[in-house]
Amino acid sequence: MSTNKQANRLLHEKSPYLLQHAYNPVQWFPWSDEAFAKAKSEDKPVFLSVGYS
């Protein structure tokens, strides 16, 4: 089993909160037109995280 973690799209954000989730196994998107376009094209709901810290 590999221990290398892949970064997701949050790696390029400025927010410390978002950056702490940059190596989560979830392919998070920051709030963007790209996120909504992908959800629409795949007919998937948007899961919105408002934070908890």
C-alpha atoms as a PDB file:
ATOM      1  CA  MET A   1       0.000   0.000   0.000  1.00  0.00           C
ATOM      2  CA  SER A   2       1.360   3.433  -0.954  1.00  0.00           C
ATOM      3  CA  THR A   3       1.646   6.153   1.674  1.00  0.00           C
ATOM      4  CA  ASN A   4       2.007   8.984  -0.846  1.00  0.00           C
ATOM      5  CA  LYS A   5      -0.912  11.350  -0.600  1.00  0.00           C
ATOM      6  CA  GLN A   6      -2.200  13.218  -3.618  1.00  0.00           C
ATOM      7  CA  ALA A   7      -3.220  16.826  -3.156  1.00  0.00           C
ATOM      8  CA  ASN A   8      -6.632  17.969  -4.306  1.00  0.00           C
ATOM      9  CA  ARG A   9      -7.652  21.330  -5.791  1.00  0.00           C
ATOM     10  CA  LEU A  10      -7.504  23.031  -2.410  1.00  0.00           C
ATOM     11  CA  LEU A  11      -3.695  22.971  -2.523  1.00  0.00           C
ATOM     12  CA  HIS A  12      -3.734  26.251  -4.460  1.00  0.00           C
ATOM     13  CA  GLU A  13      -6.090  28.141  -2.146  1.00  0.00           C
ATOM     14  CA  LYS A  14      -5.024  30.960   0.207  1.00  0.00           C
ATOM     15  CA  SER A  15      -7.350  30.158   3.092  1.00  0.00           C
ATOM     16  CA  PRO A  16      -5.621  28.316   5.974  1.00  0.00           C
ATOM     17  CA  TYR A  17      -8.877  26.396   6.554  1.00  0.00           C
ATOM     18  CA  LEU A  18      -8.997  25.136   2.960  1.00  0.00           C
ATOM     19  CA  LEU A  19      -5.271  24.378   2.888  1.00  0.00           C
ATOM     20  CA  GLN A  20      -5.560  22.055   5.864  1.00  0.00           C
ATOM     21  CA  HIS A  21      -7.799  19.845   3.704  1.00  0.00           C
ATOM     22  CA  ALA A  22      -5.567  19.860   0.621  1.00  0.00           C
ATOM     23  CA  TYR A  23      -4.408  16.274   1.216  1.00  0.00           C
ATOM     24  CA  ASN A  24      -7.768  14.771   2.171  1.00  0.00           C
ATOM     25  CA  PRO A  25      -8.714  11.721   0.090  1.00  0.00           C
ATOM     26  CA  VAL A  26     -11.767  13.690  -1.078  1.00  0.00           C
ATOM     27  CA  GLN A  27     -11.439  15.575  -4.354  1.00  0.00           C
ATOM     28  CA  TRP A  28     -12.709  18.854  -2.925  1.00  0.00           C
ATOM     29  CA  PHE A  29     -13.297  21.865  -5.143  1.00  0.00           C
ATOM     30  CA  PRO A  30     -13.180  25.434  -3.903  1.00  0.00           C
ATOM     31  CA  TRP A  31     -16.368  27.426  -4.530  1.00  0.00           C
ATOM     32  CA  SER A  32     -16.187  27.995  -8.276  1.00  0.00           C
ATOM     33  CA  ASP A  33     -17.974  27.808 -11.593  1.00  0.00           C
ATOM     34  CA  GLU A  34     -15.843  24.732 -12.353  1.00  0.00           C
ATOM     35  CA  ALA A  35     -17.288  22.881  -9.350  1.00  0.00           C
ATOM     36  CA  PHE A  36     -20.885  23.597 -10.335  1.00  0.00           C
ATOM     37  CA  ALA A  37     -20.272  22.810 -14.010  1.00  0.00           C
ATOM     38  CA  LYS A  38     -18.754  19.423 -13.083  1.00  0.00           C
ATOM     39  CA  ALA A  39     -21.681  18.593 -10.796  1.00  0.00           C
ATOM     40  CA  LYS A  40     -24.160  19.540 -13.499  1.00  0.00           C
ATOM     41  CA  SER A  41     -22.358  17.602 -16.247  1.00  0.00           C
ATOM     42  CA  GLU A  42     -22.230  14.486 -14.049  1.00  0.00           C
ATOM     43  CA  ASP A  43     -25.781  15.002 -12.723  1.00  0.00           C
ATOM     44  CA  LYS A  44     -24.476  14.933  -9.144  1.00  0.00           C
ATOM     45  CA  PRO A  45     -25.452  17.010  -6.125  1.00  0.00           C
ATOM     46  CA  VAL A  46     -23.095  19.565  -4.609  1.00  0.00           C
ATOM     47  CA  PHE A  47     -21.929  18.771  -1.083  1.00  0.00           C
ATOM     48  CA  LEU A  48     -21.169  22.054   0.635  1.00  0.00           C
ATOM     49  CA  SER A  49     -18.889  22.240   3.652  1.00  0.00           C
ATOM     50  CA  VAL A  50     -19.194  25.453   5.634  1.00  0.00           C
ATOM     51  CA  GLY A  51     -16.386  24.561   8.014  1.00  0.00           C
ATOM     52  CA  TYR A  52     -16.350  23.687  11.652  1.00  0.00           C
ATOM     53  CA  SER A  53     -13.340  25.410  13.205  1.00  0.00           C
END
